[in-house]
Amino acid sequence: MAHPLVWWQRPWIRTTEIVLGHIAAVVVGLIMMVVGLGLGVTMVMLPVGIVIGLIGAAVFVGGLFAHINQ
Protein backbone atom coordinates (compact mmCIF):
# COMPACT_ATOMS: atom_id res chain seq x y z
CA MET A 1 0.00 0.00 0.00
CA ALA A 2 1.34 3.42 -0.96
CA HIS A 3 1.90 6.11 1.59
CA PRO A 4 -1.05 8.59 1.65
CA LEU A 5 1.23 11.60 1.07
CA VAL A 6 2.58 10.16 -2.19
CA TRP A 7 -0.48 11.54 -3.99
CA TRP A 8 0.65 15.08 -3.13
CA GLN A 9 3.99 14.55 -4.85
CA ARG A 10 2.51 14.57 -8.35
CA PRO A 11 3.93 17.34 -10.57
CA TRP A 12 0.57 18.68 -11.74
CA ILE A 13 -0.50 19.34 -8.15
CA ARG A 14 2.71 21.29 -7.47
CA THR A 15 2.26 23.24 -10.69
CA THR A 16 -1.35 24.04 -9.83
CA GLU A 17 -0.34 25.27 -6.38
CA ILE A 18 2.38 27.47 -7.85
CA VAL A 19 0.05 28.94 -10.49
CA LEU A 20 -2.60 29.67 -7.85
CA GLY A 21 0.07 31.36 -5.75
CA HIS A 22 0.98 33.58 -8.71
CA ILE A 23 -2.67 34.43 -9.31
CA ALA A 24 -3.06 35.31 -5.63
CA ALA A 25 0.04 37.53 -5.78
CA VAL A 26 -1.35 39.38 -8.81
CA VAL A 27 -4.73 39.94 -7.12
CA VAL A 28 -3.17 41.06 -3.83
CA GLY A 29 -0.83 43.40 -5.71
CA LEU A 30 -3.73 44.98 -7.57
CA ILE A 31 -5.67 45.45 -4.34
CA MET A 32 -2.66 47.03 -2.65
CA MET A 33 -2.15 49.41 -5.57
CA VAL A 34 -5.78 50.52 -5.44
CA VAL A 35 -5.60 51.00 -1.66
CA GLY A 36 -2.36 52.95 -2.05
CA LEU A 37 -3.97 55.15 -4.68
CA GLY A 38 -6.94 55.75 -2.41
CA LEU A 39 -4.72 56.65 0.52
CA GLY A 40 -2.58 58.88 -1.67
CA VAL A 41 -5.56 61.11 -2.44
CA THR A 42 -5.54 62.51 1.08
CA MET A 43 -2.54 64.66 1.95
CA VAL A 44 -2.19 63.17 5.44
CA MET A 45 -1.93 59.56 4.25
CA LEU A 46 0.13 60.32 1.13
CA PRO A 47 3.41 58.81 2.44
CA VAL A 48 1.65 55.62 3.53
CA GLY A 49 -0.24 55.44 0.25
CA ILE A 50 2.96 55.74 -1.77
CA VAL A 51 4.62 52.94 0.20
CA ILE A 52 1.61 50.61 -0.02
CA GLY A 53 1.17 51.36 -3.73
CA LEU A 54 4.83 50.65 -4.53
CA ILE A 55 4.83 47.42 -2.52
CA GLY A 56 1.63 46.42 -4.33
CA ALA A 57 3.27 47.13 -7.68
CA ALA A 58 6.27 44.98 -6.69
CA VAL A 59 4.00 42.10 -5.62
CA PHE A 60 2.00 42.44 -8.84
CA VAL A 61 5.09 42.36 -11.06
CA GLY A 62 6.55 39.50 -9.02
CA GLY A 63 3.36 37.52 -9.49
CA LEU A 64 3.48 38.06 -13.23
CA PHE A 65 7.14 37.51 -13.98
CA ALA A 66 8.54 35.26 -11.23
CA HIS A 67 9.80 31.86 -12.34
CA ILE A 68 7.34 29.02 -11.81
CA ASN A 69 9.97 26.26 -11.66
CA GLN A 70 12.46 26.50 -8.86
PDB file of N, CA and C in Angstrom:
ATOM      1  N   MET A   1       0.845  -1.181   0.000  1.00  0.00           N
ATOM      2  CA  MET A   1       0.000   0.000   0.000  1.00  0.00           C
ATOM      3  C   MET A   1       0.890   1.244   0.000  1.00  0.00           C
ATOM      4  N   ALA A   2       0.552   2.195  -0.839  1.00  0.00           N
ATOM      5  CA  ALA A   2       1.340   3.419  -0.960  1.00  0.00           C
ATOM      6  C   ALA A   2       1.055   4.344   0.222  1.00  0.00           C
ATOM      7  N   HIS A   3       2.046   5.126   0.528  1.00  0.00           N
ATOM      8  CA  HIS A   3       1.899   6.107   1.594  1.00  0.00           C
ATOM      9  C   HIS A   3       0.885   7.168   1.152  1.00  0.00           C
ATOM     10  N   PRO A   4      -0.005   7.639   2.056  1.00  0.00           N
ATOM     11  CA  PRO A   4      -1.054   8.589   1.646  1.00  0.00           C
ATOM     12  C   PRO A   4      -0.511   9.918   1.124  1.00  0.00           C
ATOM     13  N   LEU A   5       0.697  10.320   1.521  1.00  0.00           N
ATOM     14  CA  LEU A   5       1.226  11.599   1.066  1.00  0.00           C
ATOM     15  C   LEU A   5       1.868  11.504  -0.312  1.00  0.00           C
ATOM     16  N   VAL A   6       1.985  10.310  -0.868  1.00  0.00           N
ATOM     17  CA  VAL A   6       2.581  10.156  -2.192  1.00  0.00           C
ATOM     18  C   VAL A   6       1.722  10.856  -3.232  1.00  0.00           C
ATOM     19  N   TRP A   7       0.420  10.890  -3.047  1.00  0.00           N
ATOM     20  CA  TRP A   7      -0.479  11.538  -3.986  1.00  0.00           C
ATOM     21  C   TRP A   7      -0.139  13.012  -4.144  1.00  0.00           C
ATOM     22  N   TRP A   8       0.346  13.652  -3.090  1.00  0.00           N
ATOM     23  CA  TRP A   8       0.654  15.081  -3.133  1.00  0.00           C
ATOM     24  C   TRP A   8       1.974  15.365  -3.829  1.00  0.00           C
ATOM     25  N   GLN A   9       2.710  14.347  -4.195  1.00  0.00           N
ATOM     26  CA  GLN A   9       3.993  14.552  -4.849  1.00  0.00           C
ATOM     27  C   GLN A   9       3.867  14.634  -6.369  1.00  0.00           C
ATOM     28  N   ARG A  10       2.696  14.537  -6.896  1.00  0.00           N
ATOM     29  CA  ARG A  10       2.514  14.569  -8.348  1.00  0.00           C
ATOM     30  C   ARG A  10       2.836  15.963  -8.881  1.00  0.00           C
ATOM     31  N   PRO A  11       3.491  16.035 -10.038  1.00  0.00           N
ATOM     32  CA  PRO A  11       3.927  17.335 -10.575  1.00  0.00           C
ATOM     33  C   PRO A  11       2.782  18.281 -10.913  1.00  0.00           C
ATOM     34  N   TRP A  12       1.644  17.769 -11.364  1.00  0.00           N
ATOM     35  CA  TRP A  12       0.566  18.679 -11.736  1.00  0.00           C
ATOM     36  C   TRP A  12      -0.043  19.362 -10.527  1.00  0.00           C
ATOM     37  N   ILE A  13       0.018  18.703  -9.371  1.00  0.00           N
ATOM     38  CA  ILE A  13      -0.495  19.342  -8.148  1.00  0.00           C
ATOM     39  C   ILE A  13       0.433  20.468  -7.730  1.00  0.00           C
ATOM     40  N   ARG A  14       1.741  20.225  -7.790  1.00  0.00           N
ATOM     41  CA  ARG A  14       2.708  21.290  -7.467  1.00  0.00           C
ATOM     42  C   ARG A  14       2.549  22.465  -8.425  1.00  0.00           C
ATOM     43  N   THR A  15       2.410  22.180  -9.702  1.00  0.00           N
ATOM     44  CA  THR A  15       2.261  23.242 -10.688  1.00  0.00           C
ATOM     45  C   THR A  15       0.986  24.040 -10.440  1.00  0.00           C
ATOM     46  N   THR A  16      -0.092  23.350 -10.115  1.00  0.00           N
ATOM     47  CA  THR A  16      -1.351  24.036  -9.827  1.00  0.00           C
ATOM     48  C   THR A  16      -1.214  24.937  -8.605  1.00  0.00           C
ATOM     49  N   GLU A  17      -0.542  24.452  -7.570  1.00  0.00           N
ATOM     50  CA  GLU A  17      -0.336  25.273  -6.379  1.00  0.00           C
ATOM     51  C   GLU A  17       0.498  26.503  -6.693  1.00  0.00           C
ATOM     52  N   ILE A  18       1.528  26.338  -7.516  1.00  0.00           N
ATOM     53  CA  ILE A  18       2.385  27.469  -7.849  1.00  0.00           C
ATOM     54  C   ILE A  18       1.617  28.493  -8.684  1.00  0.00           C
ATOM     55  N   VAL A  19       0.829  28.022  -9.647  1.00  0.00           N
ATOM     56  CA  VAL A  19       0.048  28.939 -10.487  1.00  0.00           C
ATOM     57  C   VAL A  19      -0.981  29.684  -9.640  1.00  0.00           C
ATOM     58  N   LEU A  20      -1.637  28.990  -8.722  1.00  0.00           N
ATOM     59  CA  LEU A  20      -2.601  29.667  -7.847  1.00  0.00           C
ATOM     60  C   LEU A  20      -1.916  30.686  -6.950  1.00  0.00           C
ATOM     61  N   GLY A  21      -0.693  30.385  -6.540  1.00  0.00           N
ATOM     62  CA  GLY A  21       0.075  31.361  -5.755  1.00  0.00           C
ATOM     63  C   GLY A  21       0.395  32.608  -6.561  1.00  0.00           C
ATOM     64  N   HIS A  22       0.711  32.430  -7.843  1.00  0.00           N
ATOM     65  CA  HIS A  22       0.978  33.580  -8.707  1.00  0.00           C
ATOM     66  C   HIS A  22      -0.288  34.400  -8.932  1.00  0.00           C
ATOM     67  N   ILE A  23      -1.401  33.715  -9.135  1.00  0.00           N
ATOM     68  CA  ILE A  23      -2.668  34.434  -9.312  1.00  0.00           C
ATOM     69  C   ILE A  23      -3.012  35.217  -8.048  1.00  0.00           C
ATOM     70  N   ALA A  24      -2.795  34.615  -6.890  1.00  0.00           N
ATOM     71  CA  ALA A  24      -3.064  35.313  -5.630  1.00  0.00           C
ATOM     72  C   ALA A  24      -2.156  36.527  -5.475  1.00  0.00           C
ATOM     73  N   ALA A  25      -0.886  36.402  -5.871  1.00  0.00           N
ATOM     74  CA  ALA A  25       0.041  37.534  -5.781  1.00  0.00           C
ATOM     75  C   ALA A  25      -0.406  38.674  -6.695  1.00  0.00           C
ATOM     76  N   VAL A  26      -0.881  38.340  -7.884  1.00  0.00           N
ATOM     77  CA  VAL A  26      -1.351  39.380  -8.810  1.00  0.00           C
ATOM     78  C   VAL A  26      -2.576  40.089  -8.237  1.00  0.00           C
ATOM     79  N   VAL A  27      -3.505  39.335  -7.683  1.00  0.00           N
ATOM     80  CA  VAL A  27      -4.728  39.937  -7.124  1.00  0.00           C
ATOM     81  C   VAL A  27      -4.399  40.802  -5.911  1.00  0.00           C
ATOM     82  N   VAL A  28      -3.548  40.287  -5.018  1.00  0.00           N
ATOM     83  CA  VAL A  28      -3.167  41.059  -3.827  1.00  0.00           C
ATOM     84  C   VAL A  28      -2.421  42.322  -4.230  1.00  0.00           C
ATOM     85  N   GLY A  29      -1.544  42.220  -5.230  1.00  0.00           N
ATOM     86  CA  GLY A  29      -0.825  43.396  -5.709  1.00  0.00           C
ATOM     87  C   GLY A  29      -1.758  44.452  -6.267  1.00  0.00           C
ATOM     88  N   LEU A  30      -2.757  44.025  -7.039  1.00  0.00           N
ATOM     89  CA  LEU A  30      -3.730  44.981  -7.569  1.00  0.00           C
ATOM     90  C   LEU A  30      -4.511  45.665  -6.448  1.00  0.00           C
ATOM     91  N   ILE A  31      -4.922  44.877  -5.468  1.00  0.00           N
ATOM     92  CA  ILE A  31      -5.674  45.448  -4.341  1.00  0.00           C
ATOM     93  C   ILE A  31      -4.816  46.452  -3.582  1.00  0.00           C
ATOM     94  N   MET A  32      -3.547  46.101  -3.362  1.00  0.00           N
ATOM     95  CA  MET A  32      -2.657  47.026  -2.646  1.00  0.00           C
ATOM     96  C   MET A  32      -2.423  48.307  -3.436  1.00  0.00           C
ATOM     97  N   MET A  33      -2.329  48.208  -4.763  1.00  0.00           N
ATOM     98  CA  MET A  33      -2.150  49.415  -5.574  1.00  0.00           C
ATOM     99  C   MET A  33      -3.377  50.314  -5.500  1.00  0.00           C
ATOM    100  N   VAL A  34      -4.556  49.724  -5.524  1.00  0.00           N
ATOM    101  CA  VAL A  34      -5.781  50.520  -5.436  1.00  0.00           C
ATOM    102  C   VAL A  34      -5.898  51.178  -4.060  1.00  0.00           C
ATOM    103  N   VAL A  35      -5.565  50.427  -3.011  1.00  0.00           N
ATOM    104  CA  VAL A  35      -5.604  51.000  -1.657  1.00  0.00           C
ATOM    105  C   VAL A  35      -4.577  52.123  -1.530  1.00  0.00           C
ATOM    106  N   GLY A  36      -3.382  51.900  -2.078  1.00  0.00           N
ATOM    107  CA  GLY A  36      -2.358  52.948  -2.048  1.00  0.00           C
ATOM    108  C   GLY A  36      -2.793  54.190  -2.797  1.00  0.00           C
ATOM    109  N   LEU A  37      -3.461  54.008  -3.926  1.00  0.00           N
ATOM    110  CA  LEU A  37      -3.973  55.146  -4.681  1.00  0.00           C
ATOM    111  C   LEU A  37      -5.044  55.884  -3.882  1.00  0.00           C
ATOM    112  N   GLY A  38      -5.910  55.128  -3.234  1.00  0.00           N
ATOM    113  CA  GLY A  38      -6.945  55.753  -2.408  1.00  0.00           C
ATOM    114  C   GLY A  38      -6.372  56.508  -1.227  1.00  0.00           C
ATOM    115  N   LEU A  39      -5.340  55.947  -0.599  1.00  0.00           N
ATOM    116  CA  LEU A  39      -4.718  56.648   0.524  1.00  0.00           C
ATOM    117  C   LEU A  39      -3.915  57.855   0.057  1.00  0.00           C
ATOM    118  N   GLY A  40      -3.373  57.770  -1.157  1.00  0.00           N
ATOM    119  CA  GLY A  40      -2.577  58.880  -1.673  1.00  0.00           C
ATOM    120  C   GLY A  40      -3.394  60.105  -2.022  1.00  0.00           C
ATOM    121  N   VAL A  41      -4.697  59.972  -2.116  1.00  0.00           N
ATOM    122  CA  VAL A  41      -5.555  61.114  -2.438  1.00  0.00           C
ATOM    123  C   VAL A  41      -5.560  62.109  -1.292  1.00  0.00           C
ATOM    124  N   THR A  42      -5.551  61.602  -0.070  1.00  0.00           N
ATOM    125  CA  THR A  42      -5.540  62.505   1.080  1.00  0.00           C
ATOM    126  C   THR A  42      -4.100  62.906   1.379  1.00  0.00           C
ATOM    127  N   MET A  43      -3.893  64.152   1.727  1.00  0.00           N
ATOM    128  CA  MET A  43      -2.542  64.661   1.954  1.00  0.00           C
ATOM    129  C   MET A  43      -1.911  64.044   3.200  1.00  0.00           C
ATOM    130  N   VAL A  44      -2.712  63.716   4.198  1.00  0.00           N
ATOM    131  CA  VAL A  44      -2.186  63.174   5.440  1.00  0.00           C
ATOM    132  C   VAL A  44      -1.643  61.760   5.235  1.00  0.00           C
ATOM    133  N   MET A  45      -2.324  60.953   4.452  1.00  0.00           N
ATOM    134  CA  MET A  45      -1.933  59.559   4.247  1.00  0.00           C
ATOM    135  C   MET A  45      -1.098  59.357   2.988  1.00  0.00           C
ATOM    136  N   LEU A  46      -0.634  60.426   2.368  1.00  0.00           N
ATOM    137  CA  LEU A  46       0.131  60.319   1.131  1.00  0.00           C
ATOM    138  C   LEU A  46       1.397  59.475   1.281  1.00  0.00           C
ATOM    139  N   PRO A  47       2.209  59.657   2.327  1.00  0.00           N
ATOM    140  CA  PRO A  47       3.410  58.810   2.437  1.00  0.00           C
ATOM    141  C   PRO A  47       3.078  57.317   2.586  1.00  0.00           C
ATOM    142  N   VAL A  48       2.055  57.019   3.350  1.00  0.00           N
ATOM    143  CA  VAL A  48       1.646  55.623   3.526  1.00  0.00           C
ATOM    144  C   VAL A  48       1.088  55.071   2.219  1.00  0.00           C
ATOM    145  N   GLY A  49       0.323  55.863   1.515  1.00  0.00           N
ATOM    146  CA  GLY A  49      -0.243  55.440   0.249  1.00  0.00           C
ATOM    147  C   GLY A  49       0.821  55.158  -0.797  1.00  0.00           C
ATOM    148  N   ILE A  50       1.871  55.970  -0.821  1.00  0.00           N
ATOM    149  CA  ILE A  50       2.960  55.737  -1.773  1.00  0.00           C
ATOM    150  C   ILE A  50       3.660  54.418  -1.465  1.00  0.00           C
ATOM    151  N   VAL A  51       3.935  54.174  -0.193  1.00  0.00           N
ATOM    152  CA  VAL A  51       4.619  52.935   0.197  1.00  0.00           C
ATOM    153  C   VAL A  51       3.759  51.712  -0.126  1.00  0.00           C
ATOM    154  N   ILE A  52       2.503  51.748   0.241  1.00  0.00           N
ATOM    155  CA  ILE A  52       1.615  50.613  -0.023  1.00  0.00           C
ATOM    156  C   ILE A  52       1.441  50.403  -1.524  1.00  0.00           C
ATOM    157  N   GLY A  53       1.310  51.477  -2.280  1.00  0.00           N
ATOM    158  CA  GLY A  53       1.166  51.361  -3.726  1.00  0.00           C
ATOM    159  C   GLY A  53       2.403  50.772  -4.387  1.00  0.00           C
ATOM    160  N   LEU A  54       3.594  51.183  -3.952  1.00  0.00           N
ATOM    161  CA  LEU A  54       4.827  50.650  -4.531  1.00  0.00           C
ATOM    162  C   LEU A  54       5.045  49.184  -4.148  1.00  0.00           C
ATOM    163  N   ILE A  55       4.722  48.835  -2.916  1.00  0.00           N
ATOM    164  CA  ILE A  55       4.827  47.424  -2.522  1.00  0.00           C
ATOM    165  C   ILE A  55       3.823  46.593  -3.315  1.00  0.00           C
ATOM    166  N   GLY A  56       2.625  47.116  -3.519  1.00  0.00           N
ATOM    167  CA  GLY A  56       1.632  46.424  -4.330  1.00  0.00           C
ATOM    168  C   GLY A  56       2.096  46.244  -5.760  1.00  0.00           C
ATOM    169  N   ALA A  57       2.754  47.250  -6.315  1.00  0.00           N
ATOM    170  CA  ALA A  57       3.275  47.127  -7.678  1.00  0.00           C
ATOM    171  C   ALA A  57       4.363  46.058  -7.740  1.00  0.00           C
ATOM    172  N   ALA A  58       5.217  46.000  -6.720  1.00  0.00           N
ATOM    173  CA  ALA A  58       6.273  44.980  -6.691  1.00  0.00           C
ATOM    174  C   ALA A  58       5.682  43.578  -6.580  1.00  0.00           C
ATOM    175  N   VAL A  59       4.655  43.416  -5.757  1.00  0.00           N
ATOM    176  CA  VAL A  59       4.002  42.104  -5.618  1.00  0.00           C
ATOM    177  C   VAL A  59       3.315  41.721  -6.927  1.00  0.00           C
ATOM    178  N   PHE A  60       2.671  42.693  -7.568  1.00  0.00           N
ATOM    179  CA  PHE A  60       1.997  42.440  -8.841  1.00  0.00           C
ATOM    180  C   PHE A  60       2.988  41.995  -9.917  1.00  0.00           C
ATOM    181  N   VAL A  61       4.091  42.716 -10.058  1.00  0.00           N
ATOM    182  CA  VAL A  61       5.091  42.364 -11.063  1.00  0.00           C
ATOM    183  C   VAL A  61       5.752  41.025 -10.716  1.00  0.00           C
ATOM    184  N   GLY A  62       6.000  40.789  -9.442  1.00  0.00           N
ATOM    185  CA  GLY A  62       6.555  39.503  -9.025  1.00  0.00           C
ATOM    186  C   GLY A  62       5.624  38.346  -9.338  1.00  0.00           C
ATOM    187  N   GLY A  63       4.331  38.566  -9.166  1.00  0.00           N
ATOM    188  CA  GLY A  63       3.361  37.521  -9.489  1.00  0.00           C
ATOM    189  C   GLY A  63       3.283  37.247 -10.981  1.00  0.00           C
ATOM    190  N   LEU A  64       3.527  38.268 -11.787  1.00  0.00           N
ATOM    191  CA  LEU A  64       3.477  38.062 -13.232  1.00  0.00           C
ATOM    192  C   LEU A  64       4.734  37.433 -13.795  1.00  0.00           C
ATOM    193  N   PHE A  65       5.889  37.866 -13.308  1.00  0.00           N
ATOM    194  CA  PHE A  65       7.140  37.513 -13.976  1.00  0.00           C
ATOM    195  C   PHE A  65       8.067  36.606 -13.184  1.00  0.00           C
ATOM    196  N   ALA A  66       7.682  36.171 -11.999  1.00  0.00           N
ATOM    197  CA  ALA A  66       8.536  35.261 -11.227  1.00  0.00           C
ATOM    198  C   ALA A  66       8.569  33.893 -11.901  1.00  0.00           C
ATOM    199  N   HIS A  67       9.659  33.175 -11.731  1.00  0.00           N
ATOM    200  CA  HIS A  67       9.801  31.857 -12.339  1.00  0.00           C
ATOM    201  C   HIS A  67       8.904  30.857 -11.628  1.00  0.00           C
ATOM    202  N   ILE A  68       8.220  30.042 -12.399  1.00  0.00           N
ATOM    203  CA  ILE A  68       7.338  29.025 -11.814  1.00  0.00           C
ATOM    204  C   ILE A  68       8.148  27.847 -11.308  1.00  0.00           C
ATOM    205  N   ASN A  69       9.117  27.375 -12.096  1.00  0.00           N
ATOM    206  CA  ASN A  69       9.965  26.259 -11.663  1.00  0.00           C
ATOM    207  C   ASN A  69      11.106  26.781 -10.823  1.00  0.00           C
ATOM    208  N   GLN A  70      11.389  26.065  -9.756  1.00  0.00           N
ATOM    209  CA  GLN A  70      12.458  26.504  -8.856  1.00  0.00           C
ATOM    210  C   GLN A  70      13.771  25.875  -9.236  1.00  0.00           C
TER     211      GLN A  70
END
